[in-house]
Protein backbone atom coordinates (compact mmCIF):
# COMPACT_ATOMS: atom_id res chain seq x y z
CA MET A 1 -13.29 43.39 -28.75
CA ASP A 2 -13.41 44.67 -25.17
CA ILE A 3 -10.74 42.87 -23.14
CA ARG A 4 -13.00 43.22 -20.09
CA HIS A 5 -15.36 40.69 -21.66
CA ILE A 6 -12.54 38.28 -22.49
CA MET A 7 -10.84 38.14 -19.09
CA PRO A 8 -13.82 36.73 -17.12
CA CYS A 9 -14.10 33.97 -19.73
CA ILE A 10 -10.41 33.13 -19.37
CA ALA A 11 -10.72 33.09 -15.59
CA LEU A 12 -13.76 30.80 -15.81
CA PHE A 13 -11.92 28.47 -18.21
CA TRP A 14 -8.92 28.03 -15.92
CA ALA A 15 -11.16 27.61 -12.89
CA MET A 16 -12.90 24.79 -14.74
CA ALA A 17 -9.56 23.40 -15.91
CA ALA A 18 -8.44 22.95 -12.32
CA GLN A 19 -11.41 20.74 -11.45
CA PRO A 20 -11.04 16.94 -11.73
CA VAL A 21 -13.09 15.33 -14.46
CA SER A 22 -13.64 11.70 -15.32
CA ALA A 23 -13.96 9.83 -18.59
CA GLN A 24 -13.99 6.04 -18.72
CA ASP A 25 -12.58 5.84 -15.17
CA ILE A 26 -9.78 8.31 -15.93
CA GLU A 27 -9.21 11.09 -13.41
CA TYR A 28 -7.58 14.26 -14.73
CA THR A 29 -8.12 17.98 -15.10
CA ALA A 30 -8.50 19.98 -18.29
CA LYS A 31 -5.06 21.43 -17.58
CA ASP A 32 -3.62 17.91 -17.68
CA SER A 33 -5.18 16.97 -21.02
CA ILE A 34 -4.34 20.35 -22.57
CA ARG A 35 -0.72 20.10 -21.42
CA ILE A 36 -0.26 16.54 -22.69
CA GLU A 37 -1.72 17.29 -26.13
CA GLN A 38 0.31 20.49 -26.38
CA ILE A 39 3.55 18.61 -25.69
CA LEU A 40 2.70 15.86 -28.18
CA GLN A 41 1.59 18.20 -30.93
CA GLU A 42 4.66 20.43 -30.57
CA SER A 43 6.99 17.41 -30.76
CA HIS A 44 5.11 15.50 -33.47
CA GLY A 45 7.53 14.32 -36.16
CA LYS A 46 10.42 16.30 -34.68
CA ILE A 47 11.90 14.18 -31.88
CA ALA A 48 13.98 11.06 -32.54
CA ASP A 49 13.45 8.08 -30.23
CA LYS A 50 16.97 8.40 -28.82
CA ASP A 51 16.27 11.98 -27.71
CA ALA A 52 12.66 11.58 -26.64
CA MET A 53 13.04 10.63 -22.95
CA LEU A 54 15.29 13.61 -22.27
CA TYR A 55 13.06 15.94 -24.30
CA PHE A 56 9.83 14.88 -22.61
CA GLY A 57 11.44 14.81 -19.17
CA ARG A 58 12.56 18.40 -19.60
CA GLN A 59 8.95 19.45 -20.18
CA PHE A 60 8.27 18.84 -16.49
CA LEU A 61 11.30 20.54 -14.93
CA GLY A 62 10.07 22.62 -12.03
CA VAL A 63 6.80 20.74 -11.57
CA PRO A 64 6.25 20.31 -7.82
CA TYR A 65 7.04 17.03 -6.11
CA VAL A 66 3.80 15.59 -4.69
CA GLY A 67 3.52 12.15 -3.13
CA HIS A 68 0.60 9.71 -3.09
CA THR A 69 -1.17 11.22 -6.10
CA LEU A 70 -2.41 7.77 -7.18
CA GLU A 71 -4.24 7.09 -3.93
CA ASN A 72 -7.35 9.20 -4.64
CA GLY A 73 -10.78 7.64 -4.23
CA THR A 74 -11.83 4.25 -2.94
CA LYS A 75 -11.53 2.32 -6.20
CA GLU A 76 -8.42 1.91 -8.35
CA HIS A 77 -8.67 4.01 -11.52
CA LEU A 78 -6.29 5.65 -13.97
CA ILE A 79 -5.04 8.97 -12.59
CA VAL A 80 -3.27 11.52 -14.76
CA ASN A 81 -1.64 14.36 -12.87
CA THR A 82 0.92 16.59 -14.59
CA ARG A 83 0.64 19.28 -11.88
CA GLY A 84 2.34 17.24 -9.13
CA LEU A 85 4.65 14.27 -9.66
CA ASP A 86 6.51 11.75 -7.55
CA CYS A 87 9.50 9.82 -8.84
CA THR A 88 7.46 6.97 -10.33
CA THR A 89 4.64 9.02 -11.85
CA PHE A 90 7.26 11.31 -13.41
CA VAL A 91 8.95 8.35 -15.14
CA GLU A 92 5.60 6.86 -16.17
CA THR A 93 4.37 10.16 -17.62
CA VAL A 94 7.57 10.62 -19.62
CA MET A 95 7.46 7.00 -20.79
CA ALA A 96 3.85 7.32 -21.97
CA LEU A 97 4.79 10.43 -23.95
CA TYR A 98 7.76 8.53 -25.40
CA LEU A 99 5.47 5.76 -26.65
CA CYS A 100 2.99 8.25 -28.11
CA ASN A 101 5.86 9.92 -29.96
CA LYS A 102 7.19 6.58 -31.16
CA TYR A 103 3.86 5.62 -32.70
CA GLY A 104 2.96 9.10 -33.95
CA LYS A 105 0.04 9.63 -31.55
CA THR A 106 -0.90 13.12 -30.37
CA SER A 107 -4.20 12.65 -28.52
CA PHE A 108 -4.76 12.64 -24.78
CA GLN A 109 -6.66 9.37 -25.11
CA SER A 110 -3.62 7.70 -26.70
CA PHE A 111 -1.48 8.99 -23.84
CA CYS A 112 -3.92 7.51 -21.32
CA ASN A 113 -3.94 4.17 -23.13
CA HIS A 114 -0.15 3.99 -22.98
CA LEU A 115 -0.05 5.11 -19.35
CA ARG A 116 -2.49 2.34 -18.40
CA LYS A 117 -0.35 -0.27 -20.17
CA ILE A 118 2.77 0.98 -18.41
CA ARG A 119 1.30 1.22 -14.91
CA TYR A 120 -0.66 -2.05 -14.63
CA ARG A 121 0.29 -5.71 -14.91
CA GLY A 122 -0.20 -6.89 -18.47
CA GLY A 123 -1.60 -3.46 -19.27
CA GLU A 124 -4.90 -4.31 -17.55
CA LEU A 125 -6.34 -2.20 -14.74
CA LYS A 126 -8.34 -4.62 -12.59
CA ASP A 127 -7.94 -3.37 -9.03
CA TYR A 128 -5.30 -2.04 -6.66
CA THR A 129 -3.32 -5.28 -6.78
CA SER A 130 -2.87 -5.01 -10.56
CA ARG A 131 -0.78 -1.86 -10.20
CA LEU A 132 2.96 -2.51 -10.51
CA HIS A 133 3.84 -1.32 -7.03
CA TYR A 134 7.45 -2.53 -6.82
CA PHE A 135 9.75 -1.25 -9.53
CA THR A 136 11.10 -4.74 -10.13
CA TRP A 137 7.55 -5.71 -11.13
CA TRP A 138 7.35 -2.56 -13.25
CA GLY A 139 10.57 -3.39 -15.08
CA GLU A 140 9.70 -7.05 -15.66
CA ASP A 141 6.20 -6.31 -16.90
CA ASN A 142 7.20 -3.44 -19.17
CA GLU A 143 9.96 -5.58 -20.64
CA GLN A 144 7.45 -8.35 -21.35
CA MET A 145 5.20 -5.77 -22.99
CA GLY A 146 8.11 -4.72 -25.21
CA PHE A 147 8.25 -1.17 -23.84
CA VAL A 148 11.68 -1.36 -22.18
CA ARG A 149 14.75 -3.58 -22.17
CA CYS A 150 16.66 -4.37 -19.00
CA ILE A 151 20.31 -3.40 -19.51
CA THR A 152 22.63 -5.79 -17.69
CA SER A 153 25.66 -8.03 -18.09
CA ASP A 154 27.78 -10.45 -16.10
CA GLY A 155 30.79 -8.14 -16.27
CA PHE A 156 31.81 -4.58 -15.45
CA PRO A 157 30.14 -2.36 -14.32
CA PHE A 158 27.38 -4.79 -13.21
CA THR A 159 29.53 -6.20 -10.43
CA ALA A 160 26.92 -6.52 -7.67
CA THR A 161 23.92 -8.81 -7.27
CA GLN A 162 20.57 -8.13 -5.63
CA ARG A 163 18.59 -11.06 -4.25
CA LEU A 164 14.95 -10.12 -3.85
CA ASP A 165 13.08 -10.47 -0.58
CA ILE A 166 10.26 -7.99 -1.02
CA ASN A 167 7.48 -7.98 1.57
CA TYR A 168 7.16 -4.38 2.72
CA MET A 169 3.61 -3.84 1.48
CA SER A 170 2.14 -6.98 3.00
CA THR A 171 3.97 -6.46 6.30
CA HIS A 172 3.05 -2.75 6.53
CA PRO A 173 -0.55 -2.67 5.25
CA ASP A 174 -1.47 0.27 7.49
CA SER A 175 0.97 2.40 5.46
CA TYR A 176 -1.15 1.94 2.32
CA LYS A 177 -4.62 3.44 2.13
CA HIS A 178 -6.09 0.74 -0.10
CA LEU A 179 -4.57 -2.15 1.85
CA LYS A 180 -5.81 -0.69 5.11
CA SER A 181 -9.36 -0.37 3.79
CA ASN A 182 -9.33 -3.65 1.81
CA PRO A 183 -7.65 -6.40 3.88
CA THR A 184 -8.34 -8.99 1.16
CA PHE A 185 -5.80 -7.19 -1.04
CA VAL A 186 -3.02 -7.92 1.46
CA SER A 187 -2.98 -11.66 0.76
CA ALA A 188 -3.03 -11.03 -3.01
CA ILE A 189 -0.06 -8.67 -2.72
CA SER A 190 1.73 -11.15 -0.45
CA LYS A 191 1.41 -13.92 -3.06
CA LEU A 192 2.89 -11.64 -5.71
CA GLU A 193 5.74 -10.73 -3.37
CA GLN A 194 6.44 -14.40 -2.67
CA ALA A 195 6.58 -15.14 -6.40
CA SER A 196 9.43 -12.62 -6.69
CA ARG A 197 11.34 -13.86 -3.66
CA GLY A 198 14.77 -15.24 -4.41
CA LYS A 199 15.12 -13.72 -7.89
CA THR A 200 18.53 -12.19 -8.52
CA TYR A 201 19.54 -9.18 -10.61
CA LYS A 202 22.92 -7.69 -11.47
CA TYR A 203 23.34 -4.00 -10.76
CA ILE A 204 25.95 -1.24 -10.88
CA PRO A 205 27.18 -0.36 -7.36
CA LYS A 206 27.08 3.33 -6.56
CA SER A 207 30.85 3.37 -5.96
CA LEU A 208 31.30 3.03 -9.74
CA LEU A 209 29.05 5.92 -10.74
CA ASN A 210 32.01 8.33 -10.82
CA ARG A 211 33.69 6.43 -13.63
CA SER A 212 34.10 8.01 -17.07
CA SER A 213 31.45 8.02 -19.77
CA GLN A 214 33.61 5.51 -21.66
CA GLN A 215 33.71 3.13 -18.71
CA LEU A 216 29.97 3.59 -18.15
CA SER A 217 29.05 3.50 -21.84
CA CYS A 218 26.29 1.01 -21.00
CA ILE A 219 24.37 3.93 -19.48
CA HIS A 220 22.67 6.13 -22.07
CA THR A 221 20.99 9.49 -21.61
CA GLY A 222 17.28 8.67 -21.39
CA ASP A 223 17.70 5.32 -19.63
CA ILE A 224 15.32 4.72 -16.75
CA VAL A 225 17.31 4.28 -13.54
CA ALA A 226 16.02 2.24 -10.60
CA ILE A 227 18.01 2.83 -7.41
CA ILE A 228 18.59 -0.30 -5.32
CA THR A 229 18.03 0.02 -1.58
CA ASN A 230 19.10 -1.88 1.51
CA LYS A 231 15.82 -1.08 3.29
CA ALA A 232 14.21 -4.28 4.52
CA GLY A 233 11.38 -5.58 2.37
CA LEU A 234 11.99 -3.21 -0.55
CA ASP A 235 13.80 -3.56 -3.87
CA THR A 236 14.23 0.08 -4.88
CA SER A 237 13.84 3.43 -3.16
CA HIS A 238 13.84 5.89 -6.05
CA VAL A 239 13.67 6.11 -9.86
CA GLY A 240 14.63 8.68 -12.44
CA ILE A 241 16.20 9.22 -15.84
CA ALA A 242 19.94 9.15 -16.62
CA VAL A 243 21.47 12.29 -18.14
CA TRP A 244 25.06 12.75 -19.29
CA GLU A 245 26.25 16.37 -19.05
CA ASP A 246 29.86 17.36 -19.86
CA GLY A 247 31.03 13.78 -19.38
CA LYS A 248 29.40 13.46 -15.95
CA LEU A 249 26.39 11.32 -15.09
CA HIS A 250 23.41 13.13 -13.54
CA LEU A 251 19.88 12.17 -12.55
CA MET A 252 16.66 13.77 -13.79
CA HIS A 253 13.99 13.03 -11.21
CA ALA A 254 11.08 14.23 -9.14
CA SER A 255 13.01 15.09 -6.01
CA SER A 256 11.54 15.14 -2.51
CA LEU A 257 14.64 17.10 -1.42
CA TYR A 258 14.25 19.89 -3.98
CA LYS A 259 10.44 19.57 -3.91
CA LYS A 260 10.26 19.56 -7.71
CA VAL A 261 11.42 17.85 -10.90
CA VAL A 262 15.08 18.64 -11.53
CA ILE A 263 18.19 17.55 -13.34
CA ASP A 264 20.25 17.26 -10.19
CA SER A 265 23.15 19.71 -10.15
CA ASN A 266 25.17 17.14 -8.20
CA THR A 267 26.61 14.28 -10.19
CA PHE A 268 24.76 11.01 -9.75
CA TYR A 269 27.78 9.71 -7.82
CA ASP A 270 27.76 12.65 -5.38
CA TYR A 271 23.98 12.46 -4.99
CA SER A 272 24.03 8.72 -4.30
CA LYS A 273 27.03 8.92 -1.98
CA LYS A 274 24.94 11.03 0.42
CA GLN A 275 22.11 8.47 0.46
CA THR A 276 23.35 5.78 2.84
CA SER A 277 20.51 3.36 2.03
CA GLN A 278 21.23 3.42 -1.71
CA LEU A 279 23.36 0.56 -3.03
CA GLY A 280 23.48 1.12 -6.78
CA ILE A 281 21.36 1.14 -9.91
CA ARG A 282 19.55 -1.02 -12.44
CA LEU A 283 18.86 0.23 -15.96
CA PHE A 284 15.84 -0.01 -18.27
CA ARG A 285 16.04 1.35 -21.82
CA PRO A 286 12.87 2.44 -23.63
CA GLN A 287 12.36 0.45 -26.83
């Protein structure tokens, strides 16, 4: 067969693959669905649960960091974007793949179903206010759904306590496209924020992240890490996945500094030490 006849077809296919398509209020490109199914089919029956978060996270190393990818359009809908990830969409994408692997699913539709359950309160996409905007909400809801378990204790290394006073979204509505264009959402978000106010959570202060793997045995490779912040009105400032390498704790994350998904070459302790607003970490283990 003449390769000259094949190449225009390939070029046309990838041009089409780059265009957003929609099915049942899901926004994605053909490249996204092809990539997800490829990952799931290649891993089917081969990856143990304990290794899955690290395995699936590694599939996205080098993917560009892109913020605000969930803000497309005027109406809240499920967005799948494997071509550009921020810290939260990276974790959600990896978690959805983890659940597909756990239940032996290899279809893009199954991935989308799990992603919807992970991203929205009670697994139901209603409108913008049903998205789990604060990671505390994300952790609580996904624990209730049985997808993760919050790892904590009253002893070492969980020696610090966070008392929630989240209000950043309702007090900065102009910073959020959908709040700015839909003022009625602000009061709904504010009520949800108020319901969380005063809750307390134990966390590991960043000063302890240089301890040995034995001392920090509560942290497993593949745990979801939520980084506590001292920024007013917020609970966390960044999320990623814990990785132990040569006895040192590192962070796999979509990094705005490196502009891509990386396993940070700095130890988690050294990385966090440079971030003055970071206080420590909470842990969520996929179930």
